[in-house]
């Protein structure tokens, strides 16, 4: 029989850790993107080739959900599928709505208000912003919860192993970092913010997918990112 006091202490510790993580992400992710949305959106226009490749494989008429769609650069890749966008950043969602005819919602990637009807999902450069493994796995479960049986999600996260890139991170470096955003605004002024990232090690994304209850259909490394296609079976 478990000790009620120990159980209570454990629950409090979990609650405190969750609360701290939420505050951390609010300050170092959500507030930052809300502030930098104009400049961020202006430098993120082109769809990622690997995402385009995944989208081109979807059958005509497929229904998809892009969780963490940002400025919506992937929503209009194909006109013969339905791709709905969802993002926590209201400022980015407003820009997406004004620039396209796509359906975009403001929402939380850990609590998606959708039924399990989607043929596919996207999670592009999103899950690395969650500050604990528990929350990263929860984000993967949220993807699974909105997929229909047999559906799949395409997931991309920043990699730790980037020794050959301009960033120069390698396997021995820290996984939890702050990446500066600095943009000159003219007349001598500049904007400086720092975004939180968790850099994924080789095999970490696949392990988290399995822990979340998903199936790894395929995975790999491309342009300093780890990617995986997760299935719901």
Protein backbone atom coordinates (compact mmCIF):
# COMPACT_ATOMS: atom_id res chain seq x y z
CA UNK A 1 0.00 0.00 0.00
CA UNK A 2 1.40 3.39 -0.98
CA UNK A 3 2.11 6.11 1.56
CA UNK A 4 -0.52 8.89 1.10
CA UNK A 5 2.04 11.51 2.11
CA UNK A 6 4.54 10.29 -0.49
CA UNK A 7 1.83 10.20 -3.16
CA UNK A 8 0.81 13.74 -2.30
CA UNK A 9 4.42 14.93 -2.39
CA UNK A 10 4.94 13.32 -5.80
CA UNK A 11 1.79 14.90 -7.20
CA UNK A 12 2.83 18.31 -5.88
CA UNK A 13 6.31 17.94 -7.38
CA UNK A 14 4.80 17.01 -10.75
CA UNK A 15 2.38 19.96 -10.55
CA UNK A 16 5.16 22.38 -9.59
CA UNK A 17 7.34 21.14 -12.43
CA UNK A 18 4.48 21.46 -14.91
CA UNK A 19 3.70 24.98 -13.72
CA UNK A 20 7.35 25.99 -14.01
CA UNK A 21 7.53 24.56 -17.54
CA UNK A 22 4.42 26.48 -18.59
CA UNK A 23 5.85 29.74 -17.25
CA UNK A 24 9.20 29.05 -18.92
CA UNK A 25 7.59 28.43 -22.31
CA UNK A 26 5.33 31.45 -21.97
CA UNK A 27 8.31 33.74 -21.38
CA UNK A 28 10.87 32.18 -23.71
CA UNK A 29 8.67 30.86 -26.53
CA UNK A 30 5.14 32.29 -26.74
CA UNK A 31 5.90 35.87 -25.69
CA UNK A 32 8.94 35.94 -27.96
CA UNK A 33 7.07 34.79 -31.07
CA UNK A 34 4.26 37.22 -30.35
CA UNK A 35 6.82 40.04 -30.25
CA UNK A 36 8.88 39.03 -33.29
CA UNK A 37 6.01 37.86 -35.52
CA UNK A 38 6.42 40.54 -38.24
CA UNK A 39 10.15 39.99 -38.72
CA UNK A 40 9.92 36.23 -38.25
CA UNK A 41 7.16 35.88 -40.82
CA UNK A 42 9.03 38.04 -43.33
CA UNK A 43 11.99 35.65 -43.27
CA UNK A 44 9.94 32.44 -43.43
CA UNK A 45 8.26 32.47 -46.83
CA UNK A 46 9.32 29.33 -48.67
CA UNK A 47 7.95 25.88 -47.80
CA UNK A 48 10.51 23.32 -46.66
CA UNK A 49 11.31 20.83 -49.47
CA UNK A 50 10.93 17.81 -47.18
CA UNK A 51 7.49 18.99 -46.06
CA UNK A 52 6.46 19.57 -49.67
CA UNK A 53 7.61 16.04 -50.47
CA UNK A 54 5.43 14.63 -47.67
CA UNK A 55 2.44 16.70 -48.77
CA UNK A 56 2.79 15.61 -52.40
CA UNK A 57 2.41 11.99 -51.29
CA UNK A 58 -1.02 12.61 -49.76
CA UNK A 59 -4.02 11.49 -51.82
CA UNK A 60 -6.30 14.03 -53.47
CA UNK A 61 -8.94 15.23 -51.02
CA UNK A 62 -6.93 14.29 -47.93
CA UNK A 63 -7.66 16.19 -44.71
CA UNK A 64 -4.67 17.48 -42.75
CA UNK A 65 -3.82 19.59 -39.71
CA UNK A 66 -0.65 21.67 -39.35
CA UNK A 67 -0.08 22.07 -35.59
CA UNK A 68 2.26 24.99 -35.09
CA UNK A 69 1.71 26.34 -38.59
CA UNK A 70 3.44 29.68 -37.91
CA UNK A 71 2.80 32.03 -40.82
CA UNK A 72 1.16 29.25 -42.82
CA UNK A 73 3.84 28.75 -45.44
CA UNK A 74 2.90 25.07 -45.92
CA UNK A 75 -0.88 25.49 -46.00
CA UNK A 76 -1.19 26.34 -49.69
CA UNK A 77 1.32 23.90 -51.17
CA UNK A 78 -1.55 21.90 -52.70
CA UNK A 79 -4.98 23.11 -53.71
CA UNK A 80 -6.49 19.61 -53.97
CA UNK A 81 -6.14 18.72 -50.28
CA UNK A 82 -7.58 20.38 -47.17
CA UNK A 83 -4.94 21.57 -44.71
CA UNK A 84 -6.05 23.45 -41.60
CA UNK A 85 -3.55 25.46 -39.57
CA UNK A 86 -3.29 25.85 -35.81
CA UNK A 87 -0.80 27.95 -33.86
CA UNK A 88 -0.43 29.33 -30.35
CA UNK A 89 0.85 32.70 -31.63
CA UNK A 90 -2.09 34.98 -32.38
CA UNK A 91 0.12 37.48 -34.23
CA UNK A 92 1.30 34.81 -36.68
CA UNK A 93 -2.22 33.45 -37.14
CA UNK A 94 -3.49 36.93 -38.04
CA UNK A 95 -0.81 37.23 -40.70
CA UNK A 96 -1.70 33.81 -42.09
CA UNK A 97 -5.39 34.65 -42.33
CA UNK A 98 -4.72 37.97 -44.07
CA UNK A 99 -2.36 36.38 -46.60
CA UNK A 100 -4.40 33.34 -47.66
CA UNK A 101 -7.84 31.79 -47.86
CA UNK A 102 -6.91 28.89 -45.60
CA UNK A 103 -8.59 28.01 -42.30
CA UNK A 104 -6.34 28.84 -39.34
CA UNK A 105 -7.06 28.65 -35.63
CA UNK A 106 -5.37 29.92 -32.48
CA UNK A 107 -4.79 26.91 -30.25
CA UNK A 108 -2.47 24.98 -27.96
CA UNK A 109 -0.49 22.07 -29.38
CA UNK A 110 -1.00 20.11 -26.15
CA UNK A 111 -4.78 20.44 -26.23
CA UNK A 112 -6.07 20.36 -29.78
CA UNK A 113 -9.86 20.85 -30.06
CA UNK A 114 -10.32 18.39 -32.91
CA UNK A 115 -11.78 14.91 -33.34
CA UNK A 116 -9.64 12.01 -34.68
CA UNK A 117 -10.56 12.59 -38.32
CA UNK A 118 -7.34 13.75 -39.95
CA UNK A 119 -5.52 11.74 -42.59
CA UNK A 120 -2.24 13.46 -41.79
CA UNK A 121 -0.67 16.07 -39.52
CA UNK A 122 2.37 18.32 -39.65
CA UNK A 123 4.55 19.37 -36.72
CA UNK A 124 7.38 21.39 -38.20
CA UNK A 125 9.96 22.93 -35.84
CA UNK A 126 7.50 22.91 -32.93
CA UNK A 127 8.14 20.09 -30.45
CA UNK A 128 11.67 21.30 -29.68
CA UNK A 129 10.08 24.35 -27.98
CA UNK A 130 8.53 22.23 -25.19
CA UNK A 131 10.82 22.39 -22.17
CA UNK A 132 10.41 18.93 -20.62
CA UNK A 133 10.38 15.45 -22.07
CA UNK A 134 6.95 14.87 -20.53
CA UNK A 135 5.55 17.80 -22.48
CA UNK A 136 7.33 16.80 -25.70
CA UNK A 137 5.79 13.34 -25.46
CA UNK A 138 2.41 14.93 -24.69
CA UNK A 139 2.73 16.99 -27.88
CA UNK A 140 3.29 13.79 -29.85
CA UNK A 141 0.26 12.20 -28.19
CA UNK A 142 -1.80 15.25 -29.18
CA UNK A 143 -0.89 14.54 -32.81
CA UNK A 144 -1.95 10.92 -32.46
CA UNK A 145 -5.24 11.92 -30.84
CA UNK A 146 -6.41 13.86 -33.90
CA UNK A 147 -5.26 11.33 -36.52
CA UNK A 148 -7.65 8.72 -37.82
CA UNK A 149 -6.47 5.10 -37.53
CA UNK A 150 -3.97 4.60 -40.34
CA UNK A 151 -3.09 8.29 -40.48
CA UNK A 152 0.42 9.68 -40.13
CA UNK A 153 2.24 12.79 -38.94
CA UNK A 154 5.40 14.36 -40.32
CA UNK A 155 7.55 15.79 -37.52
CA UNK A 156 10.71 17.91 -37.73
CA UNK A 157 12.87 19.05 -34.79
CA UNK A 158 16.23 20.75 -34.48
CA UNK A 159 19.18 18.37 -34.12
CA UNK A 160 22.01 18.58 -31.60
CA UNK A 161 24.43 17.10 -34.09
CA UNK A 162 25.21 20.15 -36.26
CA UNK A 163 29.01 20.22 -36.20
CA UNK A 164 29.20 21.09 -39.90
CA UNK A 165 26.62 23.90 -39.77
CA UNK A 166 27.08 27.59 -39.03
CA UNK A 167 25.77 26.95 -35.51
CA UNK A 168 28.46 24.35 -34.82
CA UNK A 169 26.63 22.38 -32.13
CA UNK A 170 27.82 18.83 -31.59
CA UNK A 171 26.91 15.71 -29.62
CA UNK A 172 28.79 16.85 -26.50
CA UNK A 173 27.02 20.21 -26.27
CA UNK A 174 24.03 21.12 -24.11
CA UNK A 175 20.62 20.12 -25.40
CA UNK A 176 18.63 22.91 -23.75
CA UNK A 177 19.63 26.30 -25.12
CA UNK A 178 18.51 29.84 -25.87
CA UNK A 179 18.83 31.07 -29.44
CA UNK A 180 18.96 34.84 -29.91
CA UNK A 181 16.69 36.67 -32.32
CA UNK A 182 18.19 40.00 -33.28
CA UNK A 183 16.77 42.16 -36.02
CA UNK A 184 17.74 45.72 -36.90
CA UNK A 185 14.69 47.98 -37.04
CA UNK A 186 16.43 50.99 -38.61
CA UNK A 187 17.53 54.33 -37.16
CA UNK A 188 19.94 52.60 -34.82
CA UNK A 189 17.30 50.54 -33.02
CA UNK A 190 17.27 46.77 -32.81
CA UNK A 191 15.15 44.01 -31.34
CA UNK A 192 16.80 41.27 -29.28
CA UNK A 193 14.92 38.26 -27.93
CA UNK A 194 15.94 34.75 -26.93
CA UNK A 195 13.95 31.63 -27.80
CA UNK A 196 14.18 28.34 -25.92
CA UNK A 197 15.04 25.15 -27.83
CA UNK A 198 15.59 21.55 -26.85
CA UNK A 199 18.06 20.03 -29.32
CA UNK A 200 17.27 16.39 -30.07
CA UNK A 201 19.96 13.73 -30.05
CA UNK A 202 20.12 10.93 -32.60
CA UNK A 203 17.35 8.44 -31.81
CA UNK A 204 15.60 10.66 -29.26
CA UNK A 205 12.68 11.62 -31.48
CA UNK A 206 12.01 7.99 -32.37
CA UNK A 207 12.12 6.99 -28.68
CA UNK A 208 9.66 9.73 -27.75
CA UNK A 209 7.31 8.67 -30.55
CA UNK A 210 7.24 5.10 -29.27
CA UNK A 211 6.70 6.29 -25.70
CA UNK A 212 3.77 8.39 -26.92
CA UNK A 213 2.21 5.29 -28.48
CA UNK A 214 3.03 6.00 -32.10
CA UNK A 215 4.79 3.91 -34.73
CA UNK A 216 7.93 5.15 -36.47
CA UNK A 217 7.26 4.65 -40.18
CA UNK A 218 10.47 6.36 -41.32
CA UNK A 219 13.01 8.78 -39.90
CA UNK A 220 16.22 10.55 -40.81
CA UNK A 221 18.45 13.62 -40.74
CA UNK A 222 18.22 16.53 -43.15
CA UNK A 223 19.60 20.08 -43.03
CA UNK A 224 20.45 20.07 -39.32
CA UNK A 225 17.08 18.59 -38.38
CA UNK A 226 15.85 15.19 -37.28
CA UNK A 227 12.60 14.18 -38.94
CA UNK A 228 10.21 11.29 -38.50
CA UNK A 229 6.97 10.05 -39.97
CA UNK A 230 4.78 8.78 -37.15
CA UNK A 231 1.89 6.42 -37.79
CA UNK A 232 -1.26 5.68 -35.82
CA UNK A 233 -2.16 2.01 -36.13
